[in-house]
Amino acid sequence: MKLLLRITILLVFTIGSFYYLSHHRIEEKKMEGVRVTDKIHSSYEGEYYIEVKNEKEIVTLRVKSEEIWELIKVGERYDVEYAWYGNEKAYVKSITYTKP
């Protein structure tokens, strides 16, 4: 009986640790040569977003600075590195203009 209790506790602890650590792990991704399709200012949230499109998908990214958001041009191509963790919105870590 004690062995079964120990195994159950160990199993619950292991599964709980996995979910806790995976939720707080920062994920990063880089896309090259993507086109900015839209710029969005959410007055309700007070945040700035861009939508970028590559061959497979359209991704909405939060831009932390209004000044950087103002410099980004719709229709231009950029190399974008972004990150997110858990259920948080993805945000731009770096963005670089690329010539067509």
N, C-alpha and C. Protein backbone atom coordinates (compact mmCIF):
# COMPACT_ATOMS: atom_id res chain seq x y z
N MET A 1 0.82 -1.19 0.00
CA MET A 1 0.00 0.00 0.00
C MET A 1 0.87 1.26 0.00
N LYS A 2 1.96 1.23 0.80
CA LYS A 2 2.85 2.39 0.85
C LYS A 2 3.54 2.60 -0.49
N LEU A 3 3.88 1.51 -1.15
CA LEU A 3 4.54 1.61 -2.45
C LEU A 3 3.60 2.25 -3.48
N LEU A 4 2.35 1.85 -3.47
CA LEU A 4 1.36 2.43 -4.38
C LEU A 4 1.17 3.92 -4.12
N LEU A 5 1.14 4.31 -2.86
CA LEU A 5 1.00 5.72 -2.49
C LEU A 5 2.21 6.52 -2.97
N ARG A 6 3.41 5.98 -2.79
CA ARG A 6 4.63 6.67 -3.24
C ARG A 6 4.66 6.83 -4.76
N ILE A 7 4.27 5.78 -5.46
CA ILE A 7 4.25 5.85 -6.92
C ILE A 7 3.22 6.88 -7.39
N THR A 8 2.07 6.92 -6.75
CA THR A 8 1.03 7.90 -7.11
C THR A 8 1.51 9.32 -6.86
N ILE A 9 2.13 9.56 -5.72
CA ILE A 9 2.65 10.90 -5.40
C ILE A 9 3.73 11.30 -6.40
N LEU A 10 4.63 10.39 -6.71
CA LEU A 10 5.70 10.67 -7.67
C LEU A 10 5.12 10.97 -9.05
N LEU A 11 4.13 10.22 -9.46
CA LEU A 11 3.50 10.43 -10.76
C LEU A 11 2.80 11.79 -10.83
N VAL A 12 2.06 12.14 -9.80
CA VAL A 12 1.37 13.43 -9.75
C VAL A 12 2.39 14.57 -9.76
N PHE A 13 3.45 14.45 -8.99
CA PHE A 13 4.50 15.48 -8.95
C PHE A 13 5.17 15.64 -10.31
N THR A 14 5.48 14.53 -10.98
CA THR A 14 6.14 14.58 -12.28
C THR A 14 5.25 15.25 -13.33
N ILE A 15 4.01 14.85 -13.39
CA ILE A 15 3.08 15.44 -14.37
C ILE A 15 2.85 16.92 -14.07
N GLY A 16 2.66 17.26 -12.81
CA GLY A 16 2.48 18.66 -12.42
C GLY A 16 3.68 19.51 -12.76
N SER A 17 4.88 18.99 -12.52
CA SER A 17 6.11 19.73 -12.85
C SER A 17 6.22 19.95 -14.35
N PHE A 18 5.89 18.95 -15.13
CA PHE A 18 5.96 19.08 -16.59
C PHE A 18 5.05 20.20 -17.08
N TYR A 19 3.81 20.22 -16.63
CA TYR A 19 2.87 21.25 -17.07
C TYR A 19 3.27 22.63 -16.57
N TYR A 20 3.76 22.73 -15.35
CA TYR A 20 4.18 24.02 -14.81
C TYR A 20 5.37 24.56 -15.59
N LEU A 21 6.36 23.73 -15.84
CA LEU A 21 7.56 24.19 -16.54
C LEU A 21 7.29 24.49 -18.01
N SER A 22 6.44 23.72 -18.65
CA SER A 22 6.16 23.99 -20.06
C SER A 22 5.34 25.27 -20.22
N HIS A 23 4.53 25.62 -19.25
CA HIS A 23 3.74 26.86 -19.32
C HIS A 23 4.64 28.08 -19.18
N HIS A 24 5.71 28.00 -18.42
CA HIS A 24 6.58 29.14 -18.18
C HIS A 24 7.83 29.14 -19.06
N ARG A 25 7.90 28.24 -20.02
CA ARG A 25 9.04 28.19 -20.92
C ARG A 25 8.82 29.18 -22.05
N ILE A 26 9.83 29.98 -22.34
CA ILE A 26 9.73 30.96 -23.42
C ILE A 26 10.03 30.27 -24.75
N GLU A 27 9.11 30.42 -25.68
CA GLU A 27 9.27 29.89 -27.03
C GLU A 27 9.69 31.03 -27.94
N GLU A 28 10.60 30.75 -28.87
CA GLU A 28 11.05 31.77 -29.82
C GLU A 28 10.97 31.21 -31.23
N LYS A 29 10.71 32.10 -32.18
CA LYS A 29 10.66 31.70 -33.58
C LYS A 29 11.16 32.85 -34.44
N LYS A 30 11.77 32.51 -35.57
CA LYS A 30 12.26 33.54 -36.49
C LYS A 30 11.69 33.25 -37.87
N MET A 31 11.18 34.31 -38.51
CA MET A 31 10.67 34.20 -39.87
C MET A 31 11.43 35.20 -40.72
N GLU A 32 11.86 34.76 -41.88
CA GLU A 32 12.64 35.62 -42.77
C GLU A 32 11.84 35.97 -44.01
N GLY A 33 11.96 37.22 -44.41
CA GLY A 33 11.33 37.67 -45.65
C GLY A 33 9.82 37.68 -45.62
N VAL A 34 9.24 37.93 -44.46
CA VAL A 34 7.77 37.95 -44.36
C VAL A 34 7.26 39.35 -44.68
N ARG A 35 6.05 39.40 -45.21
CA ARG A 35 5.44 40.68 -45.57
C ARG A 35 4.47 41.11 -44.47
N VAL A 36 4.54 42.38 -44.09
CA VAL A 36 3.59 42.93 -43.12
C VAL A 36 2.31 43.24 -43.88
N THR A 37 1.21 42.60 -43.46
CA THR A 37 -0.06 42.77 -44.16
C THR A 37 -0.98 43.78 -43.49
N ASP A 38 -0.78 44.04 -42.20
CA ASP A 38 -1.66 44.98 -41.50
C ASP A 38 -1.00 45.47 -40.22
N LYS A 39 -1.37 46.69 -39.82
CA LYS A 39 -0.96 47.27 -38.54
C LYS A 39 -2.23 47.59 -37.77
N ILE A 40 -2.26 47.20 -36.50
CA ILE A 40 -3.46 47.36 -35.69
C ILE A 40 -3.11 48.07 -34.39
N HIS A 41 -3.91 49.08 -34.05
CA HIS A 41 -3.79 49.72 -32.74
C HIS A 41 -5.07 49.44 -31.97
N SER A 42 -4.93 48.75 -30.87
CA SER A 42 -6.09 48.44 -30.03
C SER A 42 -6.23 49.52 -28.98
N SER A 43 -7.18 50.42 -29.18
CA SER A 43 -7.37 51.49 -28.20
C SER A 43 -7.94 50.94 -26.90
N TYR A 44 -8.64 49.82 -26.98
CA TYR A 44 -9.19 49.19 -25.78
C TYR A 44 -8.07 48.66 -24.88
N GLU A 45 -7.10 47.96 -25.48
CA GLU A 45 -5.99 47.40 -24.73
C GLU A 45 -4.79 48.35 -24.66
N GLY A 46 -4.76 49.34 -25.55
CA GLY A 46 -3.63 50.26 -25.59
C GLY A 46 -2.37 49.60 -26.12
N GLU A 47 -2.53 48.60 -26.98
CA GLU A 47 -1.38 47.87 -27.51
C GLU A 47 -1.33 48.00 -29.03
N TYR A 48 -0.15 47.71 -29.57
CA TYR A 48 0.10 47.82 -31.01
C TYR A 48 0.45 46.44 -31.56
N TYR A 49 -0.11 46.13 -32.73
CA TYR A 49 0.09 44.82 -33.34
C TYR A 49 0.44 44.97 -34.81
N ILE A 50 1.13 43.97 -35.33
CA ILE A 50 1.33 43.83 -36.77
C ILE A 50 0.92 42.42 -37.15
N GLU A 51 0.46 42.28 -38.38
CA GLU A 51 0.19 40.96 -38.94
C GLU A 51 1.22 40.71 -40.02
N VAL A 52 1.90 39.57 -39.92
CA VAL A 52 2.90 39.20 -40.92
C VAL A 52 2.46 37.91 -41.59
N LYS A 53 2.79 37.79 -42.87
CA LYS A 53 2.37 36.62 -43.64
C LYS A 53 3.58 35.98 -44.31
N ASN A 54 3.73 34.67 -44.08
CA ASN A 54 4.70 33.92 -44.85
C ASN A 54 3.94 32.96 -45.76
N GLU A 55 4.60 31.96 -46.31
CA GLU A 55 3.93 31.07 -47.26
C GLU A 55 2.81 30.28 -46.62
N LYS A 56 2.92 29.98 -45.32
CA LYS A 56 1.98 29.06 -44.68
C LYS A 56 0.91 29.71 -43.83
N GLU A 57 1.23 30.82 -43.19
CA GLU A 57 0.32 31.33 -42.17
C GLU A 57 0.40 32.85 -42.03
N ILE A 58 -0.61 33.39 -41.36
CA ILE A 58 -0.61 34.80 -40.96
C ILE A 58 -0.49 34.81 -39.44
N VAL A 59 0.47 35.58 -38.93
CA VAL A 59 0.72 35.64 -37.49
C VAL A 59 0.52 37.06 -37.01
N THR A 60 -0.20 37.23 -35.91
CA THR A 60 -0.40 38.54 -35.30
C THR A 60 0.58 38.67 -34.14
N LEU A 61 1.38 39.74 -34.16
CA LEU A 61 2.43 39.94 -33.16
C LEU A 61 2.24 41.28 -32.47
N ARG A 62 2.48 41.31 -31.18
CA ARG A 62 2.40 42.55 -30.41
C ARG A 62 3.74 43.27 -30.52
N VAL A 63 3.67 44.58 -30.76
CA VAL A 63 4.86 45.43 -30.79
C VAL A 63 4.85 46.25 -29.51
N LYS A 64 5.91 46.15 -28.72
CA LYS A 64 5.91 46.76 -27.39
C LYS A 64 6.07 48.28 -27.42
N SER A 65 6.60 48.82 -28.51
CA SER A 65 6.87 50.25 -28.56
C SER A 65 6.09 50.90 -29.71
N GLU A 66 5.40 51.99 -29.41
CA GLU A 66 4.66 52.71 -30.45
C GLU A 66 5.60 53.26 -31.50
N GLU A 67 6.79 53.70 -31.10
CA GLU A 67 7.75 54.28 -32.04
C GLU A 67 8.18 53.25 -33.08
N ILE A 68 8.44 52.04 -32.64
CA ILE A 68 8.82 50.98 -33.58
C ILE A 68 7.65 50.64 -34.48
N TRP A 69 6.45 50.57 -33.92
CA TRP A 69 5.25 50.27 -34.69
C TRP A 69 5.05 51.30 -35.79
N GLU A 70 5.32 52.58 -35.49
CA GLU A 70 5.17 53.66 -36.48
C GLU A 70 6.16 53.50 -37.64
N LEU A 71 7.34 52.95 -37.38
CA LEU A 71 8.36 52.81 -38.42
C LEU A 71 8.08 51.64 -39.38
N ILE A 72 7.29 50.70 -38.96
CA ILE A 72 6.99 49.53 -39.78
C ILE A 72 5.98 49.92 -40.86
N LYS A 73 6.27 49.55 -42.11
CA LYS A 73 5.41 49.89 -43.25
C LYS A 73 4.67 48.66 -43.75
N VAL A 74 3.37 48.82 -43.99
CA VAL A 74 2.55 47.74 -44.53
C VAL A 74 2.99 47.46 -45.96
N GLY A 75 3.12 46.19 -46.31
CA GLY A 75 3.51 45.79 -47.66
C GLY A 75 5.00 45.54 -47.81
N GLU A 76 5.80 45.97 -46.85
CA GLU A 76 7.25 45.76 -46.92
C GLU A 76 7.63 44.41 -46.32
N ARG A 77 8.83 43.95 -46.68
CA ARG A 77 9.32 42.65 -46.18
C ARG A 77 10.31 42.87 -45.03
N TYR A 78 10.20 41.98 -44.03
CA TYR A 78 11.04 42.07 -42.84
C TYR A 78 11.47 40.68 -42.39
N ASP A 79 12.59 40.64 -41.68
CA ASP A 79 12.97 39.45 -40.91
C ASP A 79 12.49 39.72 -39.49
N VAL A 80 11.69 38.81 -38.95
CA VAL A 80 11.06 39.03 -37.65
C VAL A 80 11.43 37.89 -36.71
N GLU A 81 11.86 38.25 -35.53
CA GLU A 81 12.08 37.27 -34.46
C GLU A 81 11.09 37.60 -33.36
N TYR A 82 10.34 36.60 -32.92
CA TYR A 82 9.33 36.84 -31.90
C TYR A 82 9.33 35.74 -30.86
N ALA A 83 8.70 36.03 -29.73
CA ALA A 83 8.68 35.08 -28.61
C ALA A 83 7.33 35.11 -27.92
N TRP A 84 7.03 34.06 -27.18
CA TRP A 84 5.82 33.99 -26.37
C TRP A 84 6.04 32.91 -25.31
N TYR A 85 5.21 32.93 -24.31
CA TYR A 85 5.22 31.85 -23.32
C TYR A 85 3.81 31.63 -22.80
N GLY A 86 3.52 30.39 -22.50
CA GLY A 86 2.20 30.05 -21.98
C GLY A 86 1.09 30.53 -22.89
N ASN A 87 0.12 31.21 -22.32
CA ASN A 87 -1.01 31.74 -23.09
C ASN A 87 -0.84 33.21 -23.44
N GLU A 88 0.34 33.76 -23.23
CA GLU A 88 0.59 35.16 -23.54
C GLU A 88 0.62 35.38 -25.05
N LYS A 89 0.38 36.61 -25.46
CA LYS A 89 0.42 36.97 -26.87
C LYS A 89 1.88 37.02 -27.33
N ALA A 90 2.11 36.60 -28.56
CA ALA A 90 3.46 36.66 -29.12
C ALA A 90 3.86 38.11 -29.31
N TYR A 91 5.13 38.42 -29.02
CA TYR A 91 5.61 39.79 -29.17
C TYR A 91 6.90 39.81 -29.99
N VAL A 92 7.13 40.93 -30.66
CA VAL A 92 8.30 41.09 -31.51
C VAL A 92 9.53 41.33 -30.65
N LYS A 93 10.56 40.48 -30.85
CA LYS A 93 11.84 40.69 -30.17
C LYS A 93 12.75 41.56 -31.03
N SER A 94 12.77 41.27 -32.33
CA SER A 94 13.56 42.09 -33.25
C SER A 94 12.91 42.04 -34.63
N ILE A 95 13.06 43.14 -35.34
CA ILE A 95 12.51 43.22 -36.69
C ILE A 95 13.51 44.00 -37.55
N THR A 96 13.83 43.45 -38.72
CA THR A 96 14.82 44.05 -39.61
C THR A 96 14.26 44.12 -41.02
N TYR A 97 14.39 45.28 -41.64
CA TYR A 97 13.92 45.46 -43.01
C TYR A 97 14.79 44.65 -43.96
N THR A 98 14.17 43.98 -44.92
CA THR A 98 14.91 43.25 -45.95
C THR A 98 14.53 43.80 -47.31
N LYS A 99 15.52 43.96 -48.15
CA LYS A 99 15.26 44.48 -49.49
C LYS A 99 14.56 43.41 -50.32
N PRO A 100 13.66 43.83 -51.21
CA PRO A 100 12.91 42.85 -52.03
C PRO A 100 13.77 42.09 -53.00
